[in-house]
């Protein structure tokens, strides 16, 4: 799983995490049964407070994306996503991405190239996490 949080962004870090995980679920890179990293581990990896990650996980649980299973962690749950819902998730992720790209001075061509690279270079199963600023 590859998450990035831009602490200089106007989008709160918990929302950046929530939107990215929800988009990964919608896109199929986080299938049902996938266990998310423990809150403390992810917070440490991203350089964030544990409460920030906990809020993102709570929001995902309220959205019906994950289920907290106590000692067994937080797991992506099986759910059928209808096309309109998938479009909404992808549109939300796109809006967040565009806001970030524009915030850092990227134009449409740069943004589209970045999306194409991300699709083609995404590691199988998404095995890494990075924190800090934007790429």
C-alpha atoms as a PDB file:
ATOM      1  CA  UNK A   1       0.000   0.000   0.000  1.00  0.00           C
ATOM      2  CA  UNK A   2       1.430   3.347  -1.027  1.00  0.00           C
ATOM      3  CA  UNK A   3       0.130   6.384   0.829  1.00  0.00           C
ATOM      4  CA  UNK A   4       1.405   9.928   0.690  1.00  0.00           C
ATOM      5  CA  UNK A   5       0.398  12.791   2.923  1.00  0.00           C
ATOM      6  CA  UNK A   6       1.227  16.385   2.090  1.00  0.00           C
ATOM      7  CA  UNK A   7       1.180  18.250   5.392  1.00  0.00           C
ATOM      8  CA  UNK A   8       1.280  21.597   3.541  1.00  0.00           C
ATOM      9  CA  UNK A   9      -1.968  20.764   1.734  1.00  0.00           C
ATOM     10  CA  UNK A  10      -5.239  22.466   2.682  1.00  0.00           C
ATOM     11  CA  UNK A  11      -6.784  18.953   2.732  1.00  0.00           C
ATOM     12  CA  UNK A  12      -6.524  17.531   6.284  1.00  0.00           C
ATOM     13  CA  UNK A  13      -4.125  14.565   6.571  1.00  0.00           C
ATOM     14  CA  UNK A  14      -6.863  12.199   7.827  1.00  0.00           C
ATOM     15  CA  UNK A  15      -8.932  13.023   4.724  1.00  0.00           C
ATOM     16  CA  UNK A  16      -5.949  12.425   2.434  1.00  0.00           C
ATOM     17  CA  UNK A  17      -5.485   8.975   4.005  1.00  0.00           C
ATOM     18  CA  UNK A  18      -9.218   8.171   3.865  1.00  0.00           C
ATOM     19  CA  UNK A  19      -9.550   9.220   0.224  1.00  0.00           C
ATOM     20  CA  UNK A  20      -6.453   7.296  -0.876  1.00  0.00           C
ATOM     21  CA  UNK A  21      -7.502   4.081   0.866  1.00  0.00           C
ATOM     22  CA  UNK A  22     -11.056   4.385  -0.436  1.00  0.00           C
ATOM     23  CA  UNK A  23      -9.721   4.925  -3.971  1.00  0.00           C
ATOM     24  CA  UNK A  24      -7.451   1.859  -3.644  1.00  0.00           C
ATOM     25  CA  UNK A  25     -10.426  -0.232  -2.546  1.00  0.00           C
ATOM     26  CA  UNK A  26     -12.544   1.095  -5.414  1.00  0.00           C
ATOM     27  CA  UNK A  27      -9.727   0.465  -7.872  1.00  0.00           C
ATOM     28  CA  UNK A  28      -9.205  -3.093  -6.659  1.00  0.00           C
ATOM     29  CA  UNK A  29      -5.650  -2.706  -5.362  1.00  0.00           C
ATOM     30  CA  UNK A  30      -6.904  -3.299  -1.795  1.00  0.00           C
ATOM     31  CA  UNK A  31      -9.250  -6.291  -2.043  1.00  0.00           C
ATOM     32  CA  UNK A  32     -11.603  -7.507   0.673  1.00  0.00           C
ATOM     33  CA  UNK A  33      -9.734  -9.217   3.483  1.00  0.00           C
ATOM     34  CA  UNK A  34      -6.668  -7.006   3.176  1.00  0.00           C
ATOM     35  CA  UNK A  35      -5.446  -5.993   6.608  1.00  0.00           C
ATOM     36  CA  UNK A  36      -4.464  -2.345   6.958  1.00  0.00           C
ATOM     37  CA  UNK A  37      -1.308  -1.462   8.876  1.00  0.00           C
ATOM     38  CA  UNK A  38      -1.810  -0.915  12.608  1.00  0.00           C
ATOM     39  CA  UNK A  39      -2.631   2.706  13.442  1.00  0.00           C
ATOM     40  CA  UNK A  40       0.617   3.317  15.331  1.00  0.00           C
ATOM     41  CA  UNK A  41       2.731   1.796  12.579  1.00  0.00           C
ATOM     42  CA  UNK A  42       1.070   3.820   9.803  1.00  0.00           C
ATOM     43  CA  UNK A  43       1.238   7.010  11.872  1.00  0.00           C
ATOM     44  CA  UNK A  44       4.956   6.437  12.424  1.00  0.00           C
ATOM     45  CA  UNK A  45       5.573   5.624   8.749  1.00  0.00           C
ATOM     46  CA  UNK A  46       3.785   8.800   7.646  1.00  0.00           C
ATOM     47  CA  UNK A  47       5.126  11.022  10.441  1.00  0.00           C
ATOM     48  CA  UNK A  48       1.637  11.762  11.771  1.00  0.00           C
ATOM     49  CA  UNK A  49      -0.122  11.610  15.123  1.00  0.00           C
ATOM     50  CA  UNK A  50      -1.881   8.328  15.882  1.00  0.00           C
ATOM     51  CA  UNK A  51      -5.176  10.217  16.316  1.00  0.00           C
ATOM     52  CA  UNK A  52      -4.932  11.401  12.696  1.00  0.00           C
ATOM     53  CA  UNK A  53      -4.673   7.851  11.350  1.00  0.00           C
ATOM     54  CA  UNK A  54      -7.311   6.640  13.823  1.00  0.00           C
ATOM     55  CA  UNK A  55      -9.733   9.263  12.505  1.00  0.00           C
ATOM     56  CA  UNK A  56      -9.108   8.167   8.899  1.00  0.00           C
ATOM     57  CA  UNK A  57      -9.802   4.542   9.892  1.00  0.00           C
ATOM     58  CA  UNK A  58     -12.978   5.589  11.781  1.00  0.00           C
ATOM     59  CA  UNK A  59     -14.211   7.508   8.726  1.00  0.00           C
ATOM     60  CA  UNK A  60     -13.538   4.468   6.536  1.00  0.00           C
ATOM     61  CA  UNK A  61     -15.463   2.296   8.984  1.00  0.00           C
ATOM     62  CA  UNK A  62     -18.406   4.716   8.939  1.00  0.00           C
ATOM     63  CA  UNK A  63     -18.289   4.595   5.124  1.00  0.00           C
ATOM     64  CA  UNK A  64     -18.513   0.787   5.237  1.00  0.00           C
ATOM     65  CA  UNK A  65     -15.072   0.282   3.692  1.00  0.00           C
ATOM     66  CA  UNK A  66     -13.286  -1.334   6.638  1.00  0.00           C
ATOM     67  CA  UNK A  67     -14.091  -3.200   9.799  1.00  0.00           C
ATOM     68  CA  UNK A  68     -12.100  -2.844  13.022  1.00  0.00           C
ATOM     69  CA  UNK A  69     -11.531  -6.306  14.483  1.00  0.00           C
ATOM     70  CA  UNK A  70      -9.788  -5.436  17.728  1.00  0.00           C
ATOM     71  CA  UNK A  71      -6.541  -7.374  18.118  1.00  0.00           C
ATOM     72  CA  UNK A  72      -6.968  -8.714  14.597  1.00  0.00           C
ATOM     73  CA  UNK A  73      -6.609  -5.254  13.065  1.00  0.00           C
ATOM     74  CA  UNK A  74      -8.577  -3.230  10.583  1.00  0.00           C
ATOM     75  CA  UNK A  75      -9.632  -5.131   7.466  1.00  0.00           C
ATOM     76  CA  UNK A  76     -11.115  -4.144   4.112  1.00  0.00           C
ATOM     77  CA  UNK A  77     -14.609  -5.613   4.004  1.00  0.00           C
ATOM     78  CA  UNK A  78     -16.388  -7.239   1.091  1.00  0.00           C
ATOM     79  CA  UNK A  79     -18.907  -4.979  -0.495  1.00  0.00           C
ATOM     80  CA  UNK A  80     -20.322  -4.650  -3.909  1.00  0.00           C
ATOM     81  CA  UNK A  81     -19.638  -1.201  -5.259  1.00  0.00           C
ATOM     82  CA  UNK A  82     -22.101  -0.051  -7.849  1.00  0.00           C
ATOM     83  CA  UNK A  83     -20.816   1.900 -10.834  1.00  0.00           C
ATOM     84  CA  UNK A  84     -22.258   5.240  -9.612  1.00  0.00           C
ATOM     85  CA  UNK A  85     -20.566   4.801  -6.234  1.00  0.00           C
ATOM     86  CA  UNK A  86     -17.268   3.835  -7.884  1.00  0.00           C
ATOM     87  CA  UNK A  87     -17.512   6.935 -10.098  1.00  0.00           C
ATOM     88  CA  UNK A  88     -18.125   9.075  -7.026  1.00  0.00           C
ATOM     89  CA  UNK A  89     -15.061   7.654  -5.253  1.00  0.00           C
ATOM     90  CA  UNK A  90     -12.862   8.085  -8.323  1.00  0.00           C
ATOM     91  CA  UNK A  91     -14.204  11.611  -8.923  1.00  0.00           C
ATOM     92  CA  UNK A  92     -13.452  12.539  -5.310  1.00  0.00           C
ATOM     93  CA  UNK A  93      -9.918  11.157  -5.608  1.00  0.00           C
ATOM     94  CA  UNK A  94      -9.468  13.037  -8.901  1.00  0.00           C
ATOM     95  CA  UNK A  95     -10.643  16.307  -7.336  1.00  0.00           C
ATOM     96  CA  UNK A  96      -8.195  15.829  -4.461  1.00  0.00           C
ATOM     97  CA  UNK A  97      -5.388  15.042  -6.914  1.00  0.00           C
ATOM     98  CA  UNK A  98      -6.165  18.068  -9.109  1.00  0.00           C
ATOM     99  CA  UNK A  99      -6.223  20.350  -6.066  1.00  0.00           C
ATOM    100  CA  UNK A 100      -2.819  19.004  -4.997  1.00  0.00           C
ATOM    101  CA  UNK A 101      -1.355  19.174  -8.516  1.00  0.00           C
ATOM    102  CA  UNK A 102      -2.498  22.763  -8.992  1.00  0.00           C
ATOM    103  CA  UNK A 103      -1.273  23.688  -5.511  1.00  0.00           C
ATOM    104  CA  UNK A 104       2.212  22.598  -6.612  1.00  0.00           C
ATOM    105  CA  UNK A 105       2.049  24.279 -10.025  1.00  0.00           C
ATOM    106  CA  UNK A 106       1.419  21.207 -12.202  1.00  0.00           C
ATOM    107  CA  UNK A 107      -0.624  21.598 -15.359  1.00  0.00           C
ATOM    108  CA  UNK A 108      -3.009  19.157 -17.010  1.00  0.00           C
ATOM    109  CA  UNK A 109      -0.322  17.443 -19.102  1.00  0.00           C
ATOM    110  CA  UNK A 110       1.917  16.899 -16.057  1.00  0.00           C
ATOM    111  CA  UNK A 111      -1.006  15.609 -14.003  1.00  0.00           C
ATOM    112  CA  UNK A 112      -2.164  13.171 -16.689  1.00  0.00           C
ATOM    113  CA  UNK A 113       1.401  11.923 -17.166  1.00  0.00           C
ATOM    114  CA  UNK A 114       1.674  11.348 -13.403  1.00  0.00           C
ATOM    115  CA  UNK A 115      -1.567   9.339 -13.382  1.00  0.00           C
ATOM    116  CA  UNK A 116      -0.394   7.229 -16.316  1.00  0.00           C
ATOM    117  CA  UNK A 117       2.957   6.573 -14.592  1.00  0.00           C
ATOM    118  CA  UNK A 118       1.200   5.652 -11.360  1.00  0.00           C
ATOM    119  CA  UNK A 119      -0.998   3.120 -13.153  1.00  0.00           C
ATOM    120  CA  UNK A 120       1.941   1.586 -14.992  1.00  0.00           C
ATOM    121  CA  UNK A 121       4.463   1.652 -12.138  1.00  0.00           C
ATOM    122  CA  UNK A 122       2.256   0.667  -9.200  1.00  0.00           C
ATOM    123  CA  UNK A 123       3.925  -2.233  -7.422  1.00  0.00           C
ATOM    124  CA  UNK A 124       1.915  -5.471  -7.391  1.00  0.00           C
ATOM    125  CA  UNK A 125      -0.214  -5.433  -4.247  1.00  0.00           C
ATOM    126  CA  UNK A 126       1.086  -1.953  -3.415  1.00  0.00           C
ATOM    127  CA  UNK A 127       3.840  -2.878  -0.975  1.00  0.00           C
ATOM    128  CA  UNK A 128       5.303   0.439   0.121  1.00  0.00           C
ATOM    129  CA  UNK A 129       4.346   3.523   2.112  1.00  0.00           C
ATOM    130  CA  UNK A 130       5.948   6.948   2.007  1.00  0.00           C
ATOM    131  CA  UNK A 131       5.312  10.125   3.926  1.00  0.00           C
ATOM    132  CA  UNK A 132       6.236  13.766   3.614  1.00  0.00           C
ATOM    133  CA  UNK A 133       5.541  16.062   0.713  1.00  0.00           C
ATOM    134  CA  UNK A 134       4.250  15.463  -2.771  1.00  0.00           C
ATOM    135  CA  UNK A 135       6.317  13.579  -5.388  1.00  0.00           C
END
